[in-house]
């Protein structure tokens, strides 16, 4: 692959995962699939998280309240992604929490309304991430917290690619199905890129032990979530991809904060 191909893939994956405007030239002649571009999901995670991370550094440099700093940054992140991953988490929680068979769960995922399980999942996820990041900011400072946020943004989107590659599409015509499955080289690129970025940034911010812990938590969480989705839905959807990102990010940040 040439440099242009990598830049195309970064733009396409960032455009898929967020509301950030990408150059139209990067999509010229593109068929809309992400089979190759999924390999750059970790880098797209860095691009998506960069603005909120800079907010954390700026506000902490001004000695702003830690909890409000994190809340502002999390709201900014939600705005950048358009709550894409949060929507996936809520829909997945509603579907898997409901009684009924596979087809009933898939119908719930298509419903734009949110139920009790979805609300609880969003509240729990937002609260855990907010408290964890507030602890990390109070203990480690703005720059180190920004590094940790970037690391988790990259690794959690790597987990999405792995989840995507392990399961067939649960239904035809869905967002994930229409985007195609990551090919073998894309999966390899995502795992290497996401793993290296995570290990580097977390080691710089909190040390190698924290990096090993974080990788282990993400790996176990992604595997367990994928096994659950396989047993209940027999395949992935766009919602389960988004839930993968939210679950791995939340659990990793929580683990890092517990040891801070």
C-alpha atoms as a PDB file:
ATOM      1  CA  UNK A   1       0.000   0.000   0.000  1.00  0.00           C
ATOM      2  CA  UNK A   2       1.100   3.556  -0.726  1.00  0.00           C
ATOM      3  CA  UNK A   3       0.873   6.560   1.604  1.00  0.00           C
ATOM      4  CA  UNK A   4      -2.201   7.732  -0.304  1.00  0.00           C
ATOM      5  CA  UNK A   5      -3.969   4.465   0.471  1.00  0.00           C
ATOM      6  CA  UNK A   6      -3.310   4.848   4.192  1.00  0.00           C
ATOM      7  CA  UNK A   7      -4.568   8.439   4.135  1.00  0.00           C
ATOM      8  CA  UNK A   8      -7.674   7.324   2.258  1.00  0.00           C
ATOM      9  CA  UNK A   9      -8.328   4.614   4.828  1.00  0.00           C
ATOM     10  CA  UNK A  10      -7.866   6.997   7.755  1.00  0.00           C
ATOM     11  CA  UNK A  11     -10.313   9.474   6.228  1.00  0.00           C
ATOM     12  CA  UNK A  12     -12.865   6.777   5.395  1.00  0.00           C
ATOM     13  CA  UNK A  13     -12.701   5.120   8.801  1.00  0.00           C
ATOM     14  CA  UNK A  14     -12.871   8.478  10.589  1.00  0.00           C
ATOM     15  CA  UNK A  15     -15.845   9.502   8.480  1.00  0.00           C
ATOM     16  CA  UNK A  16     -17.594   6.225   9.297  1.00  0.00           C
ATOM     17  CA  UNK A  17     -16.968   6.484  13.044  1.00  0.00           C
ATOM     18  CA  UNK A  18     -17.628  10.186  13.565  1.00  0.00           C
ATOM     19  CA  UNK A  19     -19.214  13.360  12.267  1.00  0.00           C
ATOM     20  CA  UNK A  20     -15.897  14.990  11.500  1.00  0.00           C
ATOM     21  CA  UNK A  21     -15.826  16.367   7.929  1.00  0.00           C
ATOM     22  CA  UNK A  22     -13.375  14.517   5.702  1.00  0.00           C
ATOM     23  CA  UNK A  23     -12.016  15.632   2.291  1.00  0.00           C
ATOM     24  CA  UNK A  24     -14.332  14.509  -0.498  1.00  0.00           C
ATOM     25  CA  UNK A  25     -11.328  13.543  -2.610  1.00  0.00           C
ATOM     26  CA  UNK A  26     -10.630  10.654  -0.220  1.00  0.00           C
ATOM     27  CA  UNK A  27     -13.970   9.083  -1.173  1.00  0.00           C
ATOM     28  CA  UNK A  28     -13.721   9.470  -4.948  1.00  0.00           C
ATOM     29  CA  UNK A  29     -14.518   6.147  -6.595  1.00  0.00           C
ATOM     30  CA  UNK A  30     -15.010   4.459  -3.228  1.00  0.00           C
ATOM     31  CA  UNK A  31     -17.683   1.749  -3.093  1.00  0.00           C
ATOM     32  CA  UNK A  32     -18.524   2.392   0.564  1.00  0.00           C
ATOM     33  CA  UNK A  33     -17.019  -0.783   1.984  1.00  0.00           C
ATOM     34  CA  UNK A  34     -14.538  -0.725   4.851  1.00  0.00           C
ATOM     35  CA  UNK A  35     -12.907  -4.117   4.392  1.00  0.00           C
ATOM     36  CA  UNK A  36      -9.477  -2.499   4.005  1.00  0.00           C
ATOM     37  CA  UNK A  37     -10.085   0.822   5.762  1.00  0.00           C
ATOM     38  CA  UNK A  38     -11.018  -0.932   9.026  1.00  0.00           C
ATOM     39  CA  UNK A  39      -7.297  -1.459   9.555  1.00  0.00           C
ATOM     40  CA  UNK A  40      -7.027   2.258  10.322  1.00  0.00           C
ATOM     41  CA  UNK A  41      -9.772   2.308  12.968  1.00  0.00           C
ATOM     42  CA  UNK A  42      -7.155   2.803  15.742  1.00  0.00           C
ATOM     43  CA  UNK A  43      -5.785   5.893  14.009  1.00  0.00           C
ATOM     44  CA  UNK A  44      -9.324   7.142  13.455  1.00  0.00           C
ATOM     45  CA  UNK A  45      -9.791   6.781  17.208  1.00  0.00           C
ATOM     46  CA  UNK A  46      -6.845   9.123  17.764  1.00  0.00           C
ATOM     47  CA  UNK A  47      -8.286  11.673  15.346  1.00  0.00           C
ATOM     48  CA  UNK A  48     -11.696  11.506  17.036  1.00  0.00           C
ATOM     49  CA  UNK A  49     -10.268  11.855  20.560  1.00  0.00           C
ATOM     50  CA  UNK A  50      -7.731  14.570  19.774  1.00  0.00           C
ATOM     51  CA  UNK A  51     -10.062  17.560  20.286  1.00  0.00           C
ATOM     52  CA  UNK A  52     -11.510  16.376  23.614  1.00  0.00           C
ATOM     53  CA  UNK A  53      -7.998  15.496  24.808  1.00  0.00           C
ATOM     54  CA  UNK A  54      -6.763  18.989  24.013  1.00  0.00           C
ATOM     55  CA  UNK A  55      -9.682  20.349  26.021  1.00  0.00           C
ATOM     56  CA  UNK A  56      -8.532  18.288  29.015  1.00  0.00           C
ATOM     57  CA  UNK A  57      -4.982  19.630  28.690  1.00  0.00           C
ATOM     58  CA  UNK A  58      -6.164  23.224  28.267  1.00  0.00           C
ATOM     59  CA  UNK A  59      -8.671  23.231  31.121  1.00  0.00           C
ATOM     60  CA  UNK A  60      -6.370  21.384  33.511  1.00  0.00           C
ATOM     61  CA  UNK A  61      -3.652  23.909  32.658  1.00  0.00           C
ATOM     62  CA  UNK A  62      -6.070  26.622  33.778  1.00  0.00           C
ATOM     63  CA  UNK A  63      -6.635  24.711  37.065  1.00  0.00           C
ATOM     64  CA  UNK A  64     -10.278  24.091  36.220  1.00  0.00           C
ATOM     65  CA  UNK A  65     -12.295  21.699  38.336  1.00  0.00           C
ATOM     66  CA  UNK A  66     -11.348  18.110  37.402  1.00  0.00           C
ATOM     67  CA  UNK A  67     -14.884  16.713  37.313  1.00  0.00           C
ATOM     68  CA  UNK A  68     -16.211  19.547  35.150  1.00  0.00           C
ATOM     69  CA  UNK A  69     -13.179  19.288  32.865  1.00  0.00           C
ATOM     70  CA  UNK A  70     -13.887  15.627  32.236  1.00  0.00           C
ATOM     71  CA  UNK A  71     -17.618  16.208  31.799  1.00  0.00           C
ATOM     72  CA  UNK A  72     -16.953  18.876  29.173  1.00  0.00           C
ATOM     73  CA  UNK A  73     -14.480  16.626  27.371  1.00  0.00           C
ATOM     74  CA  UNK A  74     -16.919  13.700  27.384  1.00  0.00           C
ATOM     75  CA  UNK A  75     -19.688  15.880  25.989  1.00  0.00           C
ATOM     76  CA  UNK A  76     -17.298  17.049  23.274  1.00  0.00           C
ATOM     77  CA  UNK A  77     -16.434  13.434  22.442  1.00  0.00           C
ATOM     78  CA  UNK A  78     -20.115  12.543  22.182  1.00  0.00           C
ATOM     79  CA  UNK A  79     -20.603  15.479  19.835  1.00  0.00           C
ATOM     80  CA  UNK A  80     -17.703  14.380  17.633  1.00  0.00           C
ATOM     81  CA  UNK A  81     -19.033  10.829  17.288  1.00  0.00           C
ATOM     82  CA  UNK A  82     -22.679  11.840  17.140  1.00  0.00           C
ATOM     83  CA  UNK A  83     -23.280   9.382  20.014  1.00  0.00           C
ATOM     84  CA  UNK A  84     -22.801   6.594  17.461  1.00  0.00           C
ATOM     85  CA  UNK A  85     -21.227   4.156  19.908  1.00  0.00           C
ATOM     86  CA  UNK A  86     -23.554   5.095  22.757  1.00  0.00           C
ATOM     87  CA  UNK A  87     -26.518   4.339  20.510  1.00  0.00           C
ATOM     88  CA  UNK A  88     -25.048   0.909  19.812  1.00  0.00           C
ATOM     89  CA  UNK A  89     -24.581   0.233  23.515  1.00  0.00           C
ATOM     90  CA  UNK A  90     -28.148   1.257  24.361  1.00  0.00           C
ATOM     91  CA  UNK A  91     -29.710  -0.771  21.548  1.00  0.00           C
ATOM     92  CA  UNK A  92     -27.603  -3.815  22.407  1.00  0.00           C
ATOM     93  CA  UNK A  93     -28.564  -3.596  26.088  1.00  0.00           C
ATOM     94  CA  UNK A  94     -32.253  -3.309  25.247  1.00  0.00           C
ATOM     95  CA  UNK A  95     -32.079  -6.255  22.837  1.00  0.00           C
ATOM     96  CA  UNK A  96     -30.048  -8.620  24.985  1.00  0.00           C
ATOM     97  CA  UNK A  97     -31.945  -7.666  28.124  1.00  0.00           C
ATOM     98  CA  UNK A  98     -35.319  -8.452  26.582  1.00  0.00           C
ATOM     99  CA  UNK A  99     -36.985 -11.826  26.613  1.00  0.00           C
ATOM    100  CA  UNK A 100     -37.508 -13.524  23.313  1.00  0.00           C
ATOM    101  CA  UNK A 101     -35.645 -15.122  20.454  1.00  0.00           C
ATOM    102  CA  UNK A 102     -33.051 -13.842  18.021  1.00  0.00           C
ATOM    103  CA  UNK A 103     -35.494 -12.210  15.599  1.00  0.00           C
ATOM    104  CA  UNK A 104     -37.186 -10.350  18.437  1.00  0.00           C
ATOM    105  CA  UNK A 105     -33.832  -9.014  19.636  1.00  0.00           C
ATOM    106  CA  UNK A 106     -32.925  -7.851  16.137  1.00  0.00           C
ATOM    107  CA  UNK A 107     -36.257  -6.054  15.865  1.00  0.00           C
ATOM    108  CA  UNK A 108     -35.571  -4.254  19.144  1.00  0.00           C
ATOM    109  CA  UNK A 109     -32.209  -3.124  17.790  1.00  0.00           C
ATOM    110  CA  UNK A 110     -33.941  -1.548  14.792  1.00  0.00           C
ATOM    111  CA  UNK A 111     -36.375   0.356  17.037  1.00  0.00           C
ATOM    112  CA  UNK A 112     -35.295   3.986  17.493  1.00  0.00           C
ATOM    113  CA  UNK A 113     -36.881   4.128  20.949  1.00  0.00           C
ATOM    114  CA  UNK A 114     -34.763   3.445  24.034  1.00  0.00           C
ATOM    115  CA  UNK A 115     -35.826   1.160  26.875  1.00  0.00           C
ATOM    116  CA  UNK A 116     -34.920   0.651  30.506  1.00  0.00           C
ATOM    117  CA  UNK A 117     -31.903  -1.549  29.838  1.00  0.00           C
ATOM    118  CA  UNK A 118     -30.548   0.949  27.337  1.00  0.00           C
ATOM    119  CA  UNK A 119     -30.919   3.858  29.752  1.00  0.00           C
ATOM    120  CA  UNK A 120     -29.215   1.933  32.547  1.00  0.00           C
ATOM    121  CA  UNK A 121     -26.337   0.929  30.257  1.00  0.00           C
ATOM    122  CA  UNK A 122     -25.787   4.534  29.150  1.00  0.00           C
ATOM    123  CA  UNK A 123     -25.939   5.912  32.689  1.00  0.00           C
ATOM    124  CA  UNK A 124     -23.593   3.243  34.032  1.00  0.00           C
ATOM    125  CA  UNK A 125     -21.127   3.657  31.174  1.00  0.00           C
ATOM    126  CA  UNK A 126     -21.089   7.448  31.304  1.00  0.00           C
ATOM    127  CA  UNK A 127     -20.755   7.471  35.088  1.00  0.00           C
ATOM    128  CA  UNK A 128     -17.950   4.928  35.193  1.00  0.00           C
ATOM    129  CA  UNK A 129     -15.957   6.695  32.485  1.00  0.00           C
ATOM    130  CA  UNK A 130     -16.537  10.088  34.077  1.00  0.00           C
ATOM    131  CA  UNK A 131     -15.466   9.008  37.549  1.00  0.00           C
ATOM    132  CA  UNK A 132     -12.498   7.032  36.221  1.00  0.00           C
ATOM    133  CA  UNK A 133     -11.220   9.932  34.122  1.00  0.00           C
ATOM    134  CA  UNK A 134     -11.732  12.383  36.984  1.00  0.00           C
ATOM    135  CA  UNK A 135      -9.588  10.160  39.217  1.00  0.00           C
ATOM    136  CA  UNK A 136      -6.927   9.842  36.533  1.00  0.00           C
ATOM    137  CA  UNK A 137      -6.892  13.588  35.944  1.00  0.00           C
ATOM    138  CA  UNK A 138      -6.605  14.328  39.659  1.00  0.00           C
ATOM    139  CA  UNK A 139      -3.765  11.847  40.109  1.00  0.00           C
ATOM    140  CA  UNK A 140      -1.877  12.022  36.813  1.00  0.00           C
ATOM    141  CA  UNK A 141      -2.511  15.523  35.458  1.00  0.00           C
ATOM    142  CA  UNK A 142      -3.776  16.793  32.132  1.00  0.00           C
ATOM    143  CA  UNK A 143      -1.090  15.549  29.747  1.00  0.00           C
ATOM    144  CA  UNK A 144      -0.996  12.015  31.115  1.00  0.00           C
ATOM    145  CA  UNK A 145      -4.785  11.799  31.170  1.00  0.00           C
ATOM    146  CA  UNK A 146      -4.868  12.944  27.550  1.00  0.00           C
ATOM    147  CA  UNK A 147      -2.389  10.185  26.654  1.00  0.00           C
ATOM    148  CA  UNK A 148      -4.572   7.621  28.402  1.00  0.00           C
ATOM    149  CA  UNK A 149      -7.669   8.879  26.589  1.00  0.00           C
ATOM    150  CA  UNK A 150      -5.888   8.632  23.241  1.00  0.00           C
ATOM    151  CA  UNK A 151      -4.652   5.139  24.079  1.00  0.00           C
ATOM    152  CA  UNK A 152      -8.105   3.863  24.990  1.00  0.00           C
ATOM    153  CA  UNK A 153      -9.692   5.578  21.984  1.00  0.00           C
ATOM    154  CA  UNK A 154      -7.334   3.661  19.689  1.00  0.00           C
ATOM    155  CA  UNK A 155      -7.549   0.298  21.475  1.00  0.00           C
ATOM    156  CA  UNK A 156     -11.336   0.289  21.877  1.00  0.00           C
ATOM    157  CA  UNK A 157     -11.742   0.807  18.129  1.00  0.00           C
ATOM    158  CA  UNK A 158      -9.256  -1.990  17.532  1.00  0.00           C
ATOM    159  CA  UNK A 159     -11.590  -4.165  19.591  1.00  0.00           C
ATOM    160  CA  UNK A 160     -14.401  -3.185  17.220  1.00  0.00           C
ATOM    161  CA  UNK A 161     -12.438  -4.548  14.264  1.00  0.00           C
ATOM    162  CA  UNK A 162     -11.717  -7.800  16.098  1.00  0.00           C
ATOM    163  CA  UNK A 163     -15.384  -8.240  17.094  1.00  0.00           C
ATOM    164  CA  UNK A 164     -16.406  -7.490  13.513  1.00  0.00           C
ATOM    165  CA  UNK A 165     -14.005 -10.081  12.100  1.00  0.00           C
ATOM    166  CA  UNK A 166     -15.071 -12.867  14.460  1.00  0.00           C
ATOM    167  CA  UNK A 167     -18.770 -12.958  13.601  1.00  0.00           C
ATOM    168  CA  UNK A 168     -20.883 -13.019  10.450  1.00  0.00           C
ATOM    169  CA  UNK A 169     -23.469 -10.324   9.899  1.00  0.00           C
ATOM    170  CA  UNK A 170     -26.586 -11.008  11.994  1.00  0.00           C
ATOM    171  CA  UNK A 171     -28.801  -9.535   9.309  1.00  0.00           C
ATOM    172  CA  UNK A 172     -28.342  -8.544   5.697  1.00  0.00           C
ATOM    173  CA  UNK A 173     -28.835  -4.914   4.785  1.00  0.00           C
ATOM    174  CA  UNK A 174     -27.600  -3.542   8.102  1.00  0.00           C
ATOM    175  CA  UNK A 175     -24.892  -0.912   8.448  1.00  0.00           C
ATOM    176  CA  UNK A 176     -22.165  -3.392   9.386  1.00  0.00           C
ATOM    177  CA  UNK A 177     -23.160  -5.847   6.666  1.00  0.00           C
ATOM    178  CA  UNK A 178     -23.201  -3.181   3.954  1.00  0.00           C
ATOM    179  CA  UNK A 179     -19.764  -1.961   5.017  1.00  0.00           C
ATOM    180  CA  UNK A 180     -18.284  -5.419   4.510  1.00  0.00           C
ATOM    181  CA  UNK A 181     -16.148  -7.464   6.886  1.00  0.00           C
ATOM    182  CA  UNK A 182     -12.525  -6.509   7.630  1.00  0.00           C
ATOM    183  CA  UNK A 183     -10.122  -8.541   5.522  1.00  0.00           C
ATOM    184  CA  UNK A 184      -7.202 -10.394   7.105  1.00  0.00           C
ATOM    185  CA  UNK A 185      -4.665  -7.644   6.420  1.00  0.00           C
ATOM    186  CA  UNK A 186      -6.975  -4.998   7.901  1.00  0.00           C
ATOM    187  CA  UNK A 187      -7.385  -7.043  11.072  1.00  0.00           C
ATOM    188  CA  UNK A 188      -3.621  -7.487  11.346  1.00  0.00           C
ATOM    189  CA  UNK A 189      -3.012  -3.769  10.800  1.00  0.00           C
ATOM    190  CA  UNK A 190      -5.626  -2.824  13.389  1.00  0.00           C
ATOM    191  CA  UNK A 191      -4.293  -5.222  16.028  1.00  0.00           C
ATOM    192  CA  UNK A 192      -0.678  -4.146  15.539  1.00  0.00           C
ATOM    193  CA  UNK A 193      -1.423  -0.434  15.286  1.00  0.00           C
ATOM    194  CA  UNK A 194      -3.896  -0.364  18.161  1.00  0.00           C
ATOM    195  CA  UNK A 195      -1.724  -2.507  20.401  1.00  0.00           C
ATOM    196  CA  UNK A 196       1.424  -0.479  19.806  1.00  0.00           C
ATOM    197  CA  UNK A 197      -0.322   2.871  20.260  1.00  0.00           C
ATOM    198  CA  UNK A 198      -1.998   1.724  23.464  1.00  0.00           C
ATOM    199  CA  UNK A 199       1.165   0.232  24.958  1.00  0.00           C
ATOM    200  CA  UNK A 200       3.226   3.312  24.063  1.00  0.00           C
ATOM    201  CA  UNK A 201       0.808   5.935  25.384  1.00  0.00           C
ATOM    202  CA  UNK A 202      -0.147   4.096  28.577  1.00  0.00           C
ATOM    203  CA  UNK A 203       3.495   3.283  29.349  1.00  0.00           C
ATOM    204  CA  UNK A 204       4.402   6.955  28.969  1.00  0.00           C
ATOM    205  CA  UNK A 205       1.488   8.030  31.181  1.00  0.00           C
ATOM    206  CA  UNK A 206       1.302   5.316  33.823  1.00  0.00           C
ATOM    207  CA  UNK A 207       4.036   2.750  33.268  1.00  0.00           C
ATOM    208  CA  UNK A 208       4.333  -0.710  31.650  1.00  0.00           C
ATOM    209  CA  UNK A 209       2.309  -2.527  34.337  1.00  0.00           C
ATOM    210  CA  UNK A 210      -0.706  -0.324  33.615  1.00  0.00           C
ATOM    211  CA  UNK A 211      -0.252  -0.938  29.883  1.00  0.00           C
ATOM    212  CA  UNK A 212      -0.272  -4.715  30.378  1.00  0.00           C
ATOM    213  CA  UNK A 213      -3.307  -4.503  32.639  1.00  0.00           C
ATOM    214  CA  UNK A 214      -5.205  -2.328  30.186  1.00  0.00           C
ATOM    215  CA  UNK A 215      -4.481  -4.622  27.244  1.00  0.00           C
ATOM    216  CA  UNK A 216      -5.591  -7.638  29.265  1.00  0.00           C
ATOM    217  CA  UNK A 217      -8.846  -5.957  30.307  1.00  0.00           C
ATOM    218  CA  UNK A 218      -9.663  -4.939  26.728  1.00  0.00           C
ATOM    219  CA  UNK A 219      -8.847  -8.395  25.367  1.00  0.00           C
ATOM    220  CA  UNK A 220     -10.956 -10.215  27.948  1.00  0.00           C
ATOM    221  CA  UNK A 221     -13.861  -7.765  27.651  1.00  0.00           C
ATOM    222  CA  UNK A 222     -13.894  -7.963  23.840  1.00  0.00           C
ATOM    223  CA  UNK A 223     -13.754 -11.757  23.893  1.00  0.00           C
ATOM    224  CA  UNK A 224     -16.515 -12.154  26.479  1.00  0.00           C
ATOM    225  CA  UNK A 225     -18.769  -9.658  24.734  1.00  0.00           C
ATOM    226  CA  UNK A 226     -18.203 -11.348  21.377  1.00  0.00           C
ATOM    227  CA  UNK A 227     -19.021 -14.755  22.867  1.00  0.00           C
ATOM    228  CA  UNK A 228     -22.250 -13.366  24.330  1.00  0.00           C
ATOM    229  CA  UNK A 229     -23.285 -11.825  21.009  1.00  0.00           C
ATOM    230  CA  UNK A 230     -22.434 -15.069  19.207  1.00  0.00           C
ATOM    231  CA  UNK A 231     -24.581 -17.118  21.554  1.00  0.00           C
ATOM    232  CA  UNK A 232     -27.578 -14.764  21.481  1.00  0.00           C
ATOM    233  CA  UNK A 233     -27.571 -13.174  18.026  1.00  0.00           C
ATOM    234  CA  UNK A 234     -25.303 -15.532  16.054  1.00  0.00           C
ATOM    235  CA  UNK A 235     -23.687 -12.540  14.388  1.00  0.00           C
ATOM    236  CA  UNK A 236     -22.679  -8.911  14.679  1.00  0.00           C
ATOM    237  CA  UNK A 237     -24.652  -5.759  13.932  1.00  0.00           C
ATOM    238  CA  UNK A 238     -23.663  -2.107  13.808  1.00  0.00           C
ATOM    239  CA  UNK A 239     -25.027  -1.819  17.329  1.00  0.00           C
ATOM    240  CA  UNK A 240     -22.827  -4.601  18.705  1.00  0.00           C
ATOM    241  CA  UNK A 241     -19.805  -2.926  17.105  1.00  0.00           C
ATOM    242  CA  UNK A 242     -20.609   0.321  18.892  1.00  0.00           C
ATOM    243  CA  UNK A 243     -21.211  -1.539  22.136  1.00  0.00           C
ATOM    244  CA  UNK A 244     -17.792  -3.187  21.788  1.00  0.00           C
ATOM    245  CA  UNK A 245     -16.144   0.222  21.768  1.00  0.00           C
ATOM    246  CA  UNK A 246     -18.104   1.456  24.771  1.00  0.00           C
ATOM    247  CA  UNK A 247     -17.621  -1.680  26.860  1.00  0.00           C
ATOM    248  CA  UNK A 248     -13.880  -1.989  26.293  1.00  0.00           C
ATOM    249  CA  UNK A 249     -13.253   1.735  26.823  1.00  0.00           C
ATOM    250  CA  UNK A 250     -15.301   1.853  30.026  1.00  0.00           C
ATOM    251  CA  UNK A 251     -13.767  -1.247  31.587  1.00  0.00           C
ATOM    252  CA  UNK A 252     -10.215  -0.264  30.654  1.00  0.00           C
ATOM    253  CA  UNK A 253     -10.528   3.242  32.093  1.00  0.00           C
ATOM    254  CA  UNK A 254     -12.121   1.831  35.228  1.00  0.00           C
ATOM    255  CA  UNK A 255      -9.258  -0.621  35.703  1.00  0.00           C
ATOM    256  CA  UNK A 256      -6.624   2.067  35.160  1.00  0.00           C
ATOM    257  CA  UNK A 257      -8.355   4.359  37.667  1.00  0.00           C
ATOM    258  CA  UNK A 258      -8.556   1.612  40.286  1.00  0.00           C
ATOM    259  CA  UNK A 259      -4.769   1.342  40.248  1.00  0.00           C
ATOM    260  CA  UNK A 260      -4.065   5.087  40.012  1.00  0.00           C
END
